[in-house]
Amino acid sequence: MSVMINELNQRSRDVFRHIVDAYVTSGEPVGSRTVARRLAQPLSAATIRNVMQDLEYLGLLGSPHISAGRVPTVRPR
């Protein structure tokens, strides 16, 4: 499924941006608690997991295994 970042709602864009930033910094999968601590707006880890699941469905995130956080995917242009 092809989706443009600007088509996402603001919350999804914020979560995605924080995941990408954290992944670039650490090189490790990023969990919902990490994102929750970085966001300016208070969101629960469960809400962030739901957004992450939506982003994964859209092909923007992947999960190395079921208990890992998420990583940005490589998207062809």
PDB file of N, CA and C in Angstrom:
ATOM      1  N   MET A   1       0.844  -1.171   0.000  1.00  0.00           N
ATOM      2  CA  MET A   1       0.000   0.000   0.000  1.00  0.00           C
ATOM      3  C   MET A   1       0.893   1.238   0.000  1.00  0.00           C
ATOM      4  N   SER A   2       0.646   2.125  -0.914  1.00  0.00           N
ATOM      5  CA  SER A   2       1.450   3.335  -1.025  1.00  0.00           C
ATOM      6  C   SER A   2       0.754   4.476  -0.307  1.00  0.00           C
ATOM      7  N   VAL A   3       1.435   5.063   0.655  1.00  0.00           N
ATOM      8  CA  VAL A   3       0.877   6.191   1.398  1.00  0.00           C
ATOM      9  C   VAL A   3       1.967   7.251   1.540  1.00  0.00           C
ATOM     10  N   MET A   4       1.564   8.479   1.420  1.00  0.00           N
ATOM     11  CA  MET A   4       2.485   9.590   1.609  1.00  0.00           C
ATOM     12  C   MET A   4       2.414  10.020   3.067  1.00  0.00           C
ATOM     13  N   ILE A   5       3.545  10.414   3.625  1.00  0.00           N
ATOM     14  CA  ILE A   5       3.610  10.830   5.020  1.00  0.00           C
ATOM     15  C   ILE A   5       2.642  11.972   5.282  1.00  0.00           C
ATOM     16  N   ASN A   6       2.509  12.906   4.346  1.00  0.00           N
ATOM     17  CA  ASN A   6       1.617  14.045   4.575  1.00  0.00           C
ATOM     18  C   ASN A   6       0.140  13.651   4.551  1.00  0.00           C
ATOM     19  N   GLU A   7      -0.183  12.425   4.174  1.00  0.00           N
ATOM     20  CA  GLU A   7      -1.556  11.940   4.208  1.00  0.00           C
ATOM     21  C   GLU A   7      -1.947  11.435   5.602  1.00  0.00           C
ATOM     22  N   LEU A   8      -0.953  11.238   6.476  1.00  0.00           N
ATOM     23  CA  LEU A   8      -1.218  10.755   7.834  1.00  0.00           C
ATOM     24  C   LEU A   8      -1.713  11.889   8.712  1.00  0.00           C
ATOM     25  N   ASN A   9      -2.459  11.540   9.766  1.00  0.00           N
ATOM     26  CA  ASN A   9      -2.853  12.574  10.717  1.00  0.00           C
ATOM     27  C   ASN A   9      -1.632  12.996  11.535  1.00  0.00           C
ATOM     28  N   GLN A  10      -1.760  14.108  12.251  1.00  0.00           N
ATOM     29  CA  GLN A  10      -0.613  14.679  12.969  1.00  0.00           C
ATOM     30  C   GLN A  10      -0.046  13.709  13.999  1.00  0.00           C
ATOM     31  N   ARG A  11      -0.902  13.020  14.732  1.00  0.00           N
ATOM     32  CA  ARG A  11      -0.423  12.077  15.748  1.00  0.00           C
ATOM     33  C   ARG A  11       0.410  10.972  15.114  1.00  0.00           C
ATOM     34  N   SER A  12      -0.057  10.424  14.011  1.00  0.00           N
ATOM     35  CA  SER A  12       0.691   9.369  13.318  1.00  0.00           C
ATOM     36  C   SER A  12       2.023   9.886  12.799  1.00  0.00           C
ATOM     37  N   ARG A  13       2.033  11.105  12.261  1.00  0.00           N
ATOM     38  CA  ARG A  13       3.294  11.692  11.791  1.00  0.00           C
ATOM     39  C   ARG A  13       4.273  11.891  12.934  1.00  0.00           C
ATOM     40  N   ASP A  14       3.769  12.367  14.079  1.00  0.00           N
ATOM     41  CA  ASP A  14       4.642  12.571  15.246  1.00  0.00           C
ATOM     42  C   ASP A  14       5.246  11.253  15.720  1.00  0.00           C
ATOM     43  N   VAL A  15       4.411  10.234  15.835  1.00  0.00           N
ATOM     44  CA  VAL A  15       4.901   8.931  16.282  1.00  0.00           C
ATOM     45  C   VAL A  15       5.928   8.395  15.285  1.00  0.00           C
ATOM     46  N   PHE A  16       5.617   8.461  14.007  1.00  0.00           N
ATOM     47  CA  PHE A  16       6.533   7.972  12.983  1.00  0.00           C
ATOM     48  C   PHE A  16       7.868   8.712  13.043  1.00  0.00           C
ATOM     49  N   ARG A  17       7.816  10.041  13.159  1.00  0.00           N
ATOM     50  CA  ARG A  17       9.045  10.845  13.215  1.00  0.00           C
ATOM     51  C   ARG A  17       9.904  10.453  14.411  1.00  0.00           C
ATOM     52  N   HIS A  18       9.275  10.231  15.570  1.00  0.00           N
ATOM     53  CA  HIS A  18      10.034   9.845  16.759  1.00  0.00           C
ATOM     54  C   HIS A  18      10.633   8.446  16.618  1.00  0.00           C
ATOM     55  N   ILE A  19       9.918   7.544  15.971  1.00  0.00           N
ATOM     56  CA  ILE A  19      10.455   6.200  15.744  1.00  0.00           C
ATOM     57  C   ILE A  19      11.673   6.278  14.826  1.00  0.00           C
ATOM     58  N   VAL A  20      11.564   7.024  13.739  1.00  0.00           N
ATOM     59  CA  VAL A  20      12.685   7.158  12.810  1.00  0.00           C
ATOM     60  C   VAL A  20      13.881   7.793  13.510  1.00  0.00           C
ATOM     61  N   ASP A  21      13.649   8.881  14.252  1.00  0.00           N
ATOM     62  CA  ASP A  21      14.750   9.551  14.960  1.00  0.00           C
ATOM     63  C   ASP A  21      15.425   8.613  15.957  1.00  0.00           C
ATOM     64  N   ALA A  22      14.633   7.892  16.734  1.00  0.00           N
ATOM     65  CA  ALA A  22      15.192   6.977  17.739  1.00  0.00           C
ATOM     66  C   ALA A  22      15.937   5.830  17.066  1.00  0.00           C
ATOM     67  N   TYR A  23      15.410   5.334  15.962  1.00  0.00           N
ATOM     68  CA  TYR A  23      16.067   4.235  15.254  1.00  0.00           C
ATOM     69  C   TYR A  23      17.400   4.693  14.654  1.00  0.00           C
ATOM     70  N   VAL A  24      17.419   5.877  14.071  1.00  0.00           N
ATOM     71  CA  VAL A  24      18.662   6.401  13.486  1.00  0.00           C
ATOM     72  C   VAL A  24      19.714   6.582  14.582  1.00  0.00           C
ATOM     73  N   THR A  25      19.285   7.024  15.752  1.00  0.00           N
ATOM     74  CA  THR A  25      20.211   7.246  16.867  1.00  0.00           C
ATOM     75  C   THR A  25      20.753   5.939  17.434  1.00  0.00           C
ATOM     76  N   SER A  26      19.858   4.958  17.625  1.00  0.00           N
ATOM     77  CA  SER A  26      20.259   3.736  18.332  1.00  0.00           C
ATOM     78  C   SER A  26      20.543   2.538  17.424  1.00  0.00           C
ATOM     79  N   GLY A  27      19.888   2.474  16.277  1.00  0.00           N
ATOM     80  CA  GLY A  27      20.013   1.308  15.410  1.00  0.00           C
ATOM     81  C   GLY A  27      19.240   0.105  15.922  1.00  0.00           C
ATOM     82  N   GLU A  28      18.415   0.317  16.935  1.00  0.00           N
ATOM     83  CA  GLU A  28      17.633  -0.749  17.564  1.00  0.00           C
ATOM     84  C   GLU A  28      16.146  -0.527  17.321  1.00  0.00           C
ATOM     85  N   PRO A  29      15.340  -1.598  17.334  1.00  0.00           N
ATOM     86  CA  PRO A  29      13.888  -1.422  17.250  1.00  0.00           C
ATOM     87  C   PRO A  29      13.401  -0.498  18.361  1.00  0.00           C
ATOM     88  N   VAL A  30      12.384   0.281  18.057  1.00  0.00           N
ATOM     89  CA  VAL A  30      11.877   1.300  18.974  1.00  0.00           C
ATOM     90  C   VAL A  30      10.527   0.851  19.530  1.00  0.00           C
ATOM     91  N   GLY A  31      10.422   0.832  20.858  1.00  0.00           N
ATOM     92  CA  GLY A  31       9.190   0.423  21.525  1.00  0.00           C
ATOM     93  C   GLY A  31       8.279   1.593  21.840  1.00  0.00           C
ATOM     94  N   SER A  32       7.057   1.269  22.191  1.00  0.00           N
ATOM     95  CA  SER A  32       6.051   2.293  22.463  1.00  0.00           C
ATOM     96  C   SER A  32       6.406   3.151  23.672  1.00  0.00           C
ATOM     97  N   ARG A  33       7.049   2.576  24.678  1.00  0.00           N
ATOM     98  CA  ARG A  33       7.428   3.380  25.850  1.00  0.00           C
ATOM     99  C   ARG A  33       8.472   4.425  25.496  1.00  0.00           C
ATOM    100  N   THR A  34       9.400   4.066  24.627  1.00  0.00           N
ATOM    101  CA  THR A  34      10.407   5.028  24.182  1.00  0.00           C
ATOM    102  C   THR A  34       9.735   6.208  23.494  1.00  0.00           C
ATOM    103  N   VAL A  35       8.792   5.923  22.619  1.00  0.00           N
ATOM    104  CA  VAL A  35       8.074   6.985  21.912  1.00  0.00           C
ATOM    105  C   VAL A  35       7.260   7.812  22.903  1.00  0.00           C
ATOM    106  N   ALA A  36       6.594   7.157  23.843  1.00  0.00           N
ATOM    107  CA  ALA A  36       5.763   7.867  24.822  1.00  0.00           C
ATOM    108  C   ALA A  36       6.590   8.879  25.611  1.00  0.00           C
ATOM    109  N   ARG A  37       7.818   8.526  25.938  1.00  0.00           N
ATOM    110  CA  ARG A  37       8.685   9.438  26.693  1.00  0.00           C
ATOM    111  C   ARG A  37       9.150  10.616  25.859  1.00  0.00           C
ATOM    112  N   ARG A  38       9.219  10.450  24.535  1.00  0.00           N
ATOM    113  CA  ARG A  38       9.736  11.501  23.654  1.00  0.00           C
ATOM    114  C   ARG A  38       8.662  12.476  23.179  1.00  0.00           C
ATOM    115  N   LEU A  39       7.419  12.050  23.146  1.00  0.00           N
ATOM    116  CA  LEU A  39       6.356  12.891  22.601  1.00  0.00           C
ATOM    117  C   LEU A  39       6.041  14.066  23.515  1.00  0.00           C
ATOM    118  N   ALA A  40       5.729  15.205  22.921  1.00  0.00           N
ATOM    119  CA  ALA A  40       5.334  16.383  23.690  1.00  0.00           C
ATOM    120  C   ALA A  40       3.930  16.203  24.265  1.00  0.00           C
ATOM    121  N   GLN A  41       3.059  15.552  23.509  1.00  0.00           N
ATOM    122  CA  GLN A  41       1.692  15.326  23.984  1.00  0.00           C
ATOM    123  C   GLN A  41       1.638  14.008  24.741  1.00  0.00           C
ATOM    124  N   PRO A  42       0.938  13.981  25.855  1.00  0.00           N
ATOM    125  CA  PRO A  42       0.877  12.727  26.623  1.00  0.00           C
ATOM    126  C   PRO A  42      -0.032  11.696  25.953  1.00  0.00           C
ATOM    127  N   LEU A  43       0.568  10.593  25.531  1.00  0.00           N
ATOM    128  CA  LEU A  43      -0.173   9.467  24.968  1.00  0.00           C
ATOM    129  C   LEU A  43       0.250   8.213  25.706  1.00  0.00           C
ATOM    130  N   SER A  44      -0.682   7.319  25.912  1.00  0.00           N
ATOM    131  CA  SER A  44      -0.349   6.065  26.582  1.00  0.00           C
ATOM    132  C   SER A  44       0.433   5.165  25.629  1.00  0.00           C
ATOM    133  N   ALA A  45       1.177   4.248  26.205  1.00  0.00           N
ATOM    134  CA  ALA A  45       1.920   3.283  25.395  1.00  0.00           C
ATOM    135  C   ALA A  45       0.961   2.465  24.532  1.00  0.00           C
ATOM    136  N   ALA A  46      -0.222   2.169  25.061  1.00  0.00           N
ATOM    137  CA  ALA A  46      -1.212   1.395  24.290  1.00  0.00           C
ATOM    138  C   ALA A  46      -1.682   2.173  23.062  1.00  0.00           C
ATOM    139  N   THR A  47      -1.918   3.463  23.207  1.00  0.00           N
ATOM    140  CA  THR A  47      -2.320   4.293  22.067  1.00  0.00           C
ATOM    141  C   THR A  47      -1.217   4.322  21.030  1.00  0.00           C
ATOM    142  N   ILE A  48       0.017   4.454  21.482  1.00  0.00           N
ATOM    143  CA  ILE A  48       1.151   4.479  20.563  1.00  0.00           C
ATOM    144  C   ILE A  48       1.293   3.138  19.857  1.00  0.00           C
ATOM    145  N   ARG A  49       1.064   2.037  20.565  1.00  0.00           N
ATOM    146  CA  ARG A  49       1.117   0.712  19.913  1.00  0.00           C
ATOM    147  C   ARG A  49       0.066   0.616  18.813  1.00  0.00           C
ATOM    148  N   ASN A  50      -1.114   1.182  19.030  1.00  0.00           N
ATOM    149  CA  ASN A  50      -2.156   1.170  18.000  1.00  0.00           C
ATOM    150  C   ASN A  50      -1.725   1.969  16.774  1.00  0.00           C
ATOM    151  N   VAL A  51      -1.118   3.130  17.001  1.00  0.00           N
ATOM    152  CA  VAL A  51      -0.623   3.941  15.883  1.00  0.00           C
ATOM    153  C   VAL A  51       0.488   3.181  15.163  1.00  0.00           C
ATOM    154  N   MET A  52       1.375   2.544  15.929  1.00  0.00           N
ATOM    155  CA  MET A  52       2.463   1.773  15.329  1.00  0.00           C
ATOM    156  C   MET A  52       1.911   0.634  14.475  1.00  0.00           C
ATOM    157  N   GLN A  53       0.868   0.000  14.941  1.00  0.00           N
ATOM    158  CA  GLN A  53       0.249  -1.087  14.180  1.00  0.00           C
ATOM    159  C   GLN A  53      -0.328  -0.544  12.871  1.00  0.00           C
ATOM    160  N   ASP A  54      -0.967   0.626  12.923  1.00  0.00           N
ATOM    161  CA  ASP A  54      -1.488   1.246  11.700  1.00  0.00           C
ATOM    162  C   ASP A  54      -0.359   1.573  10.731  1.00  0.00           C
ATOM    163  N   LEU A  55       0.746   2.112  11.252  1.00  0.00           N
ATOM    164  CA  LEU A  55       1.892   2.447  10.408  1.00  0.00           C
ATOM    165  C   LEU A  55       2.525   1.189   9.815  1.00  0.00           C
ATOM    166  N   GLU A  56       2.505   0.111  10.572  1.00  0.00           N
ATOM    167  CA  GLU A  56       3.016  -1.159  10.050  1.00  0.00           C
ATOM    168  C   GLU A  56       2.124  -1.666   8.927  1.00  0.00           C
ATOM    169  N   TYR A  57       0.825  -1.573   9.099  1.00  0.00           N
ATOM    170  CA  TYR A  57      -0.125  -1.985   8.061  1.00  0.00           C
ATOM    171  C   TYR A  57       0.100  -1.193   6.769  1.00  0.00           C
ATOM    172  N   LEU A  58       0.441   0.092   6.909  1.00  0.00           N
ATOM    173  CA  LEU A  58       0.682   0.939   5.743  1.00  0.00           C
ATOM    174  C   LEU A  58       2.048   0.698   5.106  1.00  0.00           C
ATOM    175  N   GLY A  59       2.864  -0.136   5.742  1.00  0.00           N
ATOM    176  CA  GLY A  59       4.167  -0.469   5.188  1.00  0.00           C
ATOM    177  C   GLY A  59       5.279   0.488   5.588  1.00  0.00           C
ATOM    178  N   LEU A  60       5.004   1.388   6.527  1.00  0.00           N
ATOM    179  CA  LEU A  60       6.013   2.357   6.944  1.00  0.00           C
ATOM    180  C   LEU A  60       6.908   1.827   8.055  1.00  0.00           C
ATOM    181  N   LEU A  61       6.428   0.839   8.804  1.00  0.00           N
ATOM    182  CA  LEU A  61       7.193   0.236   9.889  1.00  0.00           C
ATOM    183  C   LEU A  61       7.192  -1.269   9.731  1.00  0.00           C
ATOM    184  N   GLY A  62       8.189  -1.897  10.326  1.00  0.00           N
ATOM    185  CA  GLY A  62       8.264  -3.347  10.374  1.00  0.00           C
ATOM    186  C   GLY A  62       8.672  -3.764  11.774  1.00  0.00           C
ATOM    187  N   SER A  63       8.541  -5.042  12.054  1.00  0.00           N
ATOM    188  CA  SER A  63       8.911  -5.575  13.358  1.00  0.00           C
ATOM    189  C   SER A  63       9.811  -6.781  13.147  1.00  0.00           C
ATOM    190  N   PRO A  64      11.039  -6.747  13.694  1.00  0.00           N
ATOM    191  CA  PRO A  64      11.962  -7.867  13.503  1.00  0.00           C
ATOM    192  C   PRO A  64      11.422  -9.182  14.080  1.00  0.00           C
ATOM    193  N   HIS A  65      10.724  -9.111  15.187  1.00  0.00           N
ATOM    194  CA  HIS A  65      10.008 -10.258  15.729  1.00  0.00           C
ATOM    195  C   HIS A  65       8.902  -9.757  16.633  1.00  0.00           C
ATOM    196  N   ILE A  66       8.031 -10.637  17.055  1.00  0.00           N
ATOM    197  CA  ILE A  66       6.779 -10.246  17.696  1.00  0.00           C
ATOM    198  C   ILE A  66       6.940  -9.410  18.959  1.00  0.00           C
ATOM    199  N   SER A  67       7.982  -9.634  19.733  1.00  0.00           N
ATOM    200  CA  SER A  67       8.129  -8.894  20.986  1.00  0.00           C
ATOM    201  C   SER A  67       9.050  -7.681  20.858  1.00  0.00           C
ATOM    202  N   ALA A  68       9.536  -7.430  19.653  1.00  0.00           N
ATOM    203  CA  ALA A  68      10.439  -6.290  19.446  1.00  0.00           C
ATOM    204  C   ALA A  68       9.638  -5.026  19.202  1.00  0.00           C
ATOM    205  N   GLY A  69      10.316  -3.907  19.272  1.00  0.00           N
ATOM    206  CA  GLY A  69       9.714  -2.652  18.858  1.00  0.00           C
ATOM    207  C   GLY A  69       9.623  -2.631  17.339  1.00  0.00           C
ATOM    208  N   ARG A  70       9.430  -1.465  16.794  1.00  0.00           N
ATOM    209  CA  ARG A  70       9.289  -1.332  15.341  1.00  0.00           C
ATOM    210  C   ARG A  70      10.507  -0.622  14.765  1.00  0.00           C
ATOM    211  N   VAL A  71      10.726  -0.861  13.488  1.00  0.00           N
ATOM    212  CA  VAL A  71      11.799  -0.204  12.747  1.00  0.00           C
ATOM    213  C   VAL A  71      11.195   0.378  11.470  1.00  0.00           C
ATOM    214  N   PRO A  72      11.748   1.494  10.980  1.00  0.00           N
ATOM    215  CA  PRO A  72      11.276   2.040   9.702  1.00  0.00           C
ATOM    216  C   PRO A  72      11.611   1.059   8.576  1.00  0.00           C
ATOM    217  N   THR A  73      10.754   0.993   7.589  1.00  0.00           N
ATOM    218  CA  THR A  73      10.996   0.118   6.449  1.00  0.00           C
ATOM    219  C   THR A  73      11.698   0.895   5.341  1.00  0.00           C
ATOM    220  N   VAL A  74      12.303   0.169   4.452  1.00  0.00           N
ATOM    221  CA  VAL A  74      12.909   0.765   3.278  1.00  0.00           C
ATOM    222  C   VAL A  74      11.832   0.759   2.203  1.00  0.00           C
ATOM    223  N   ARG A  75      11.472   1.928   1.756  1.00  0.00           N
ATOM    224  CA  ARG A  75      10.399   2.055   0.766  1.00  0.00           C
ATOM    225  C   ARG A  75      10.985   2.421  -0.592  1.00  0.00           C
ATOM    226  N   PRO A  76      10.681   1.658  -1.629  1.00  0.00           N
ATOM    227  CA  PRO A  76      11.145   2.047  -2.961  1.00  0.00           C
ATOM    228  C   PRO A  76      10.463   3.322  -3.420  1.00  0.00           C
ATOM    229  N   ARG A  77      11.130   4.096  -4.208  1.00  0.00           N
ATOM    230  CA  ARG A  77      10.546   5.352  -4.726  1.00  0.00           C
ATOM    231  C   ARG A  77       9.816   5.114  -6.002  1.00  0.00           C
TER     232      ARG A  77
END
